Amino acid sequence: MGLYKEKYIKLKKGYEKNYFIDPFFDFREELEKSKDNEAKQVLADVYIFLRQYQKAYNLMVSLDMPDNKKTRKSLAVLKDLAQKYGNSFEKKQLNKPEADERLKKIPVFKYHPNPFMTGAFYELSEAEICSCCNKPVFIKYKGPFYSLEEPECLCPGCIASGKAAEKFDGEFQDESSVDETDNMEGLDELIHKTPGYYGWQQEYWRAHCNDYCAFIGYAGSQELKEMGILEEVLDDSLWNETAKENIRNNLSNGGSMQGYLFKCLHCGRYLLWADYD
């Protein structure tokens, strides 16, 4: 195994622990500058991981790859993804958070560990006033909030403390749209102190080991296959055989059937929710 492949595997293992995407962008730049053939092959894997399907396809057809059934099938799948999605699902890199003190102050959300990657938060070029604490902030929430009032700006601190939910008598997740547990403390944290995510229909939160899971992000069957967990998420009493086939064949990130990936905080098992537009 080459050094580039080893580094890629190491980054993926690190991502499974902290869900931090920035190192892949730095690695992508390193690979793009290299003329090494192994670097180009690994770069195709990185493009796919970052959902830059068109770039991955263009690169792979330019490589000297063996002409066999496996290669032709992989290229056909990648070509289809490139035609459908191009590079539209590229995950966004933050602006060097290690050099930006504002981003270091973001609270940790137990049930939504990387809200930047999922799009629940984004960085502002100019400060806005938080509707809850009335302080200028550079990080703004962009996700569901169920309240009679519609605050224009909520900062991470006011969400994590529960002040935003208390002030506006709101919820970030419908408490009736969650898996059943007897963890009332966890339910309170989930609906009142955790940034939500956007679904096609009513958002739903999975639970496991008598606790609510961490929301990892949006996914289709292709992403689940790449992570090696498609069959794991299908091994779930939630899905009957018809639903399993639909997920295998029709689940697509950004498509009409969308997947939402969760991970148990205790045993590490992955769980899935899916809905239609």
Protein backbone atom coordinates (compact mmCIF):
# COMPACT_ATOMS: atom_id res chain seq x y z
CA MET A 1 0.00 0.00 0.00
CA GLY A 2 1.37 3.42 -0.98
CA LEU A 3 1.81 6.43 1.27
CA TYR A 4 -1.05 8.38 -0.32
CA LYS A 5 -3.46 5.49 0.14
CA GLU A 6 -2.37 5.06 3.75
CA LYS A 7 -2.96 8.75 4.42
CA TYR A 8 -6.39 8.58 2.80
CA ILE A 9 -7.41 5.62 4.96
CA LYS A 10 -6.12 7.40 8.07
CA LEU A 11 -8.14 10.52 7.23
CA LYS A 12 -11.30 8.46 6.75
CA LYS A 13 -10.82 6.79 10.13
CA GLY A 14 -10.36 10.20 11.72
CA TYR A 15 -13.47 11.48 9.98
CA GLU A 16 -15.54 8.64 11.43
CA LYS A 17 -14.53 9.85 14.91
CA ASN A 18 -14.90 13.65 14.63
CA TYR A 19 -16.69 14.22 11.27
CA PHE A 20 -14.28 17.06 10.45
CA ILE A 21 -14.01 17.50 6.70
CA ASP A 22 -11.29 20.17 6.34
CA PRO A 23 -8.28 17.78 6.20
CA PHE A 24 -9.68 16.24 3.01
CA PHE A 25 -9.57 19.59 1.25
CA ASP A 26 -5.94 20.08 2.28
CA PHE A 27 -5.16 16.54 1.12
CA ARG A 28 -6.96 17.19 -2.17
CA GLU A 29 -4.68 20.18 -2.83
CA GLU A 30 -1.62 18.06 -2.07
CA LEU A 31 -2.76 15.33 -4.46
CA GLU A 32 -3.67 17.78 -7.23
CA LYS A 33 -0.12 19.17 -7.17
CA SER A 34 1.48 15.72 -7.37
CA LYS A 35 2.34 14.03 -10.67
CA ASP A 36 2.60 10.61 -9.04
CA ASN A 37 0.26 8.02 -10.58
CA GLU A 38 -0.77 6.71 -7.14
CA ALA A 39 -1.64 10.25 -6.10
CA LYS A 40 -4.00 10.55 -9.07
CA GLN A 41 -5.75 7.30 -8.20
CA VAL A 42 -6.21 8.38 -4.58
CA LEU A 43 -7.33 11.81 -5.77
CA ALA A 44 -10.24 10.13 -7.57
CA ASP A 45 -11.26 8.55 -4.25
CA VAL A 46 -11.02 11.93 -2.51
CA TYR A 47 -13.15 13.58 -5.21
CA ILE A 48 -15.81 10.92 -4.71
CA PHE A 49 -15.67 11.33 -0.93
CA LEU A 50 -16.17 15.09 -1.39
CA ARG A 51 -18.99 14.31 -3.83
CA GLN A 52 -17.19 15.97 -6.73
CA TYR A 53 -18.42 13.31 -9.11
CA GLN A 54 -17.70 15.08 -12.37
CA LYS A 55 -14.09 15.73 -11.35
CA ALA A 56 -13.73 12.11 -10.26
CA TYR A 57 -15.11 10.77 -13.54
CA ASN A 58 -12.94 13.06 -15.69
CA LEU A 59 -9.87 11.98 -13.76
CA MET A 60 -10.63 8.26 -13.83
CA VAL A 61 -11.18 8.11 -17.61
CA SER A 62 -7.80 9.79 -18.06
CA LEU A 63 -5.99 7.16 -16.00
CA ASP A 64 -4.47 3.99 -17.38
CA MET A 65 -6.85 1.56 -15.74
CA PRO A 66 -7.35 -2.14 -16.50
CA ASP A 67 -10.16 -2.85 -18.95
CA ASN A 68 -12.30 -5.32 -17.04
CA LYS A 69 -15.88 -5.74 -15.87
CA LYS A 70 -15.24 -4.16 -12.45
CA THR A 71 -13.63 -1.04 -13.95
CA ARG A 72 -16.36 -0.61 -16.55
CA LYS A 73 -19.07 -0.94 -13.89
CA SER A 74 -17.35 1.60 -11.61
CA LEU A 75 -17.01 4.09 -14.46
CA ALA A 76 -20.63 3.60 -15.47
CA VAL A 77 -21.86 4.30 -11.93
CA LEU A 78 -19.58 7.32 -11.63
CA LYS A 79 -20.67 8.64 -15.03
CA ASP A 80 -24.29 8.42 -13.95
CA LEU A 81 -23.55 10.32 -10.73
CA ALA A 82 -21.62 12.94 -12.66
CA GLN A 83 -24.48 13.45 -15.11
CA LYS A 84 -27.03 13.72 -12.31
CA TYR A 85 -25.12 15.77 -9.77
CA GLY A 86 -21.88 17.07 -11.27
CA ASN A 87 -19.94 18.60 -8.38
CA SER A 88 -23.04 20.08 -6.75
CA PHE A 89 -22.74 18.18 -3.49
CA GLU A 90 -19.22 19.25 -2.67
CA LYS A 91 -18.96 19.70 1.07
CA LYS A 92 -17.87 23.20 1.96
CA GLN A 93 -14.62 23.89 3.74
CA LEU A 94 -14.60 26.36 6.57
CA ASN A 95 -12.20 29.26 6.35
CA LYS A 96 -9.30 27.75 8.30
CA PRO A 97 -11.01 27.44 11.72
CA GLU A 98 -7.67 26.90 13.44
CA ALA A 99 -6.79 30.49 12.54
CA ASP A 100 -10.15 32.00 13.42
CA GLU A 101 -10.89 32.52 17.10
CA ARG A 102 -14.59 33.01 16.41
CA LEU A 103 -14.98 29.44 15.23
CA LYS A 104 -13.08 28.02 18.20
CA LYS A 105 -15.82 29.27 20.51
CA ILE A 106 -18.56 27.15 18.97
CA PRO A 107 -20.18 24.92 21.61
CA VAL A 108 -20.20 21.16 21.19
CA PHE A 109 -23.57 19.71 20.23
CA LYS A 110 -23.89 16.14 21.44
CA TYR A 111 -26.57 15.16 18.94
CA HIS A 112 -25.30 17.24 16.00
CA PRO A 113 -21.48 17.09 16.18
CA ASN A 114 -20.60 18.91 12.94
CA PRO A 115 -23.33 21.43 12.14
CA PHE A 116 -21.07 23.30 9.71
CA MET A 117 -20.64 20.29 7.46
CA THR A 118 -24.38 19.58 7.49
CA GLY A 119 -25.21 23.21 6.71
CA ALA A 120 -26.98 23.95 10.00
CA PHE A 121 -24.54 26.81 10.65
CA TYR A 122 -22.64 29.05 8.30
CA GLU A 123 -20.11 31.81 8.72
CA LEU A 124 -21.11 35.41 8.01
CA SER A 125 -18.81 37.86 6.23
CA GLU A 126 -20.30 40.65 8.34
CA ALA A 127 -21.72 40.43 11.84
CA GLU A 128 -25.47 40.19 12.45
CA ILE A 129 -27.35 40.72 15.69
CA CYS A 130 -28.58 37.55 17.33
CA SER A 131 -32.34 37.79 17.89
CA CYS A 132 -31.94 36.11 21.27
CA CYS A 133 -28.90 37.64 23.00
CA ASN A 134 -28.81 40.86 20.93
CA LYS A 135 -25.05 40.51 20.43
CA PRO A 136 -23.18 40.75 17.10
CA VAL A 137 -22.31 37.27 15.84
CA PHE A 138 -20.45 35.82 12.87
CA ILE A 139 -22.04 32.36 12.96
CA LYS A 140 -25.71 32.01 12.07
CA TYR A 141 -28.14 29.10 12.35
CA LYS A 142 -29.83 27.89 9.18
CA GLY A 143 -32.21 25.11 10.09
CA PRO A 144 -35.74 24.38 11.29
CA PHE A 145 -37.11 26.15 14.35
CA TYR A 146 -40.73 25.57 15.33
CA SER A 147 -42.05 28.74 16.95
CA LEU A 148 -44.83 31.28 16.50
CA GLU A 149 -42.14 33.90 16.06
CA GLU A 150 -39.52 33.75 13.32
CA PRO A 151 -36.21 35.05 14.68
CA GLU A 152 -33.97 36.35 11.92
CA CYS A 153 -30.72 35.25 13.50
CA LEU A 154 -29.84 32.69 16.16
CA CYS A 155 -26.27 32.11 17.31
CA PRO A 156 -24.78 28.76 18.39
CA GLY A 157 -24.41 29.87 22.01
CA CYS A 158 -28.09 30.73 22.43
CA ILE A 159 -29.09 27.40 20.91
CA ALA A 160 -26.71 25.34 23.08
CA SER A 161 -27.78 27.08 26.30
CA GLY A 162 -31.48 26.63 25.58
CA LYS A 163 -32.06 30.39 25.75
CA ALA A 164 -33.29 30.62 22.17
CA ALA A 165 -35.91 27.90 22.67
CA GLU A 166 -36.97 29.44 25.98
CA LYS A 167 -37.22 33.02 24.70
CA PHE A 168 -39.23 32.15 21.60
CA ASP A 169 -41.06 29.15 23.09
CA GLY A 170 -39.75 27.03 20.25
CA GLU A 171 -38.31 23.66 19.36
CA PHE A 172 -35.57 22.62 16.93
CA GLN A 173 -37.07 19.15 16.54
CA ASP A 174 -40.68 18.00 16.82
CA GLU A 175 -40.76 15.87 19.98
CA SER A 176 -43.35 13.55 18.43
CA SER A 177 -41.06 12.81 15.47
CA VAL A 178 -38.36 10.85 17.28
CA ASP A 179 -37.66 7.21 18.11
CA GLU A 180 -39.02 6.22 21.52
CA THR A 181 -36.75 6.23 24.59
CA ASP A 182 -37.27 6.91 28.29
CA ASN A 183 -34.40 9.43 28.20
CA MET A 184 -36.32 12.60 29.05
CA GLU A 185 -33.14 14.59 29.72
CA GLY A 186 -31.85 13.64 26.30
CA LEU A 187 -35.15 14.58 24.68
CA ASP A 188 -35.01 18.02 26.27
CA GLU A 189 -31.47 18.55 24.99
CA LEU A 190 -32.45 17.36 21.53
CA ILE A 191 -35.50 19.54 20.98
CA HIS A 192 -34.39 22.63 22.91
CA LYS A 193 -30.58 22.74 22.66
CA THR A 194 -29.62 20.99 19.42
CA PRO A 195 -29.58 22.46 15.90
CA GLY A 196 -31.91 20.58 13.59
CA TYR A 197 -31.63 19.47 9.98
CA TYR A 198 -33.85 19.99 6.93
CA GLY A 199 -35.79 17.08 5.45
CA TRP A 200 -38.09 16.81 2.47
CA GLN A 201 -40.97 16.08 4.86
CA GLN A 202 -41.16 16.20 8.65
CA GLU A 203 -37.68 15.72 10.08
CA TYR A 204 -37.28 12.59 12.20
CA TRP A 205 -34.57 11.75 14.76
CA ARG A 206 -33.31 8.22 15.33
CA ALA A 207 -32.39 6.73 18.70
CA HIS A 208 -30.41 3.71 19.87
CA CYS A 209 -29.16 2.33 23.20
CA ASN A 210 -31.91 4.35 24.92
CA ASP A 211 -30.41 7.63 23.74
CA TYR A 212 -30.78 9.87 20.72
CA CYS A 213 -28.24 9.43 17.97
CA ALA A 214 -25.86 11.98 16.49
CA PHE A 215 -26.98 13.37 13.15
CA ILE A 216 -24.07 12.80 10.76
CA GLY A 217 -25.45 14.28 7.56
CA TYR A 218 -27.29 13.73 4.30
CA ALA A 219 -26.61 10.57 2.32
CA GLY A 220 -27.73 8.43 -0.57
CA SER A 221 -27.11 4.74 -1.20
CA GLN A 222 -23.87 5.58 -3.01
CA GLU A 223 -22.43 7.35 0.04
CA LEU A 224 -23.57 4.51 2.29
CA LYS A 225 -21.83 2.02 0.01
CA GLU A 226 -18.65 4.09 0.05
CA MET A 227 -18.72 4.07 3.85
CA GLY A 228 -19.37 0.32 3.82
CA ILE A 229 -22.52 0.64 5.94
CA LEU A 230 -25.41 0.19 3.49
CA GLU A 231 -26.31 -3.28 4.72
CA GLU A 232 -25.83 -2.18 8.33
CA VAL A 233 -28.47 0.55 8.08
CA LEU A 234 -30.82 -1.79 6.23
CA ASP A 235 -30.57 -4.36 9.03
CA ASP A 236 -33.24 -2.45 10.91
CA SER A 237 -36.80 -3.46 11.82
CA LEU A 238 -37.87 -0.02 10.59
CA TRP A 239 -37.48 -1.16 6.98
CA ASN A 240 -39.51 -3.90 5.29
CA GLU A 241 -38.22 -5.66 2.16
CA THR A 242 -39.88 -3.18 -0.20
CA ALA A 243 -38.35 -0.23 1.65
CA LYS A 244 -34.93 -1.89 1.58
CA GLU A 245 -35.08 -2.28 -2.19
CA ASN A 246 -36.18 1.34 -2.58
CA ILE A 247 -33.24 2.48 -0.48
CA ARG A 248 -30.78 0.34 -2.43
CA ASN A 249 -32.06 1.51 -5.82
CA ASN A 250 -33.52 4.98 -5.31
CA LEU A 251 -31.92 6.68 -2.29
CA SER A 252 -29.92 9.59 -3.67
CA ASN A 253 -28.30 12.55 -1.96
CA GLY A 254 -30.25 15.57 -3.19
CA GLY A 255 -32.70 13.38 -5.09
CA SER A 256 -36.40 12.67 -4.69
CA MET A 257 -35.65 10.03 -2.06
CA GLN A 258 -33.25 11.49 0.48
CA GLY A 259 -31.38 9.75 3.27
CA TYR A 260 -30.42 11.16 6.68
CA LEU A 261 -27.63 9.36 8.50
CA PHE A 262 -27.35 8.94 12.28
CA LYS A 263 -24.83 7.23 14.55
CA CYS A 264 -25.36 5.79 18.02
CA LEU A 265 -23.28 7.62 20.62
CA HIS A 266 -22.81 4.45 22.66
CA CYS A 267 -22.27 1.42 20.42
CA GLY A 268 -21.37 3.24 17.20
CA ARG A 269 -24.10 1.70 15.08
CA TYR A 270 -25.32 3.68 12.06
CA LEU A 271 -29.04 4.24 11.51
CA LEU A 272 -30.94 5.80 8.65
CA TRP A 273 -34.04 7.84 8.06
CA ALA A 274 -35.39 8.53 4.58
CA ASP A 275 -38.23 10.43 2.98
CA TYR A 276 -39.53 11.63 -0.39
CA ASP A 277 -39.94 15.13 -1.84
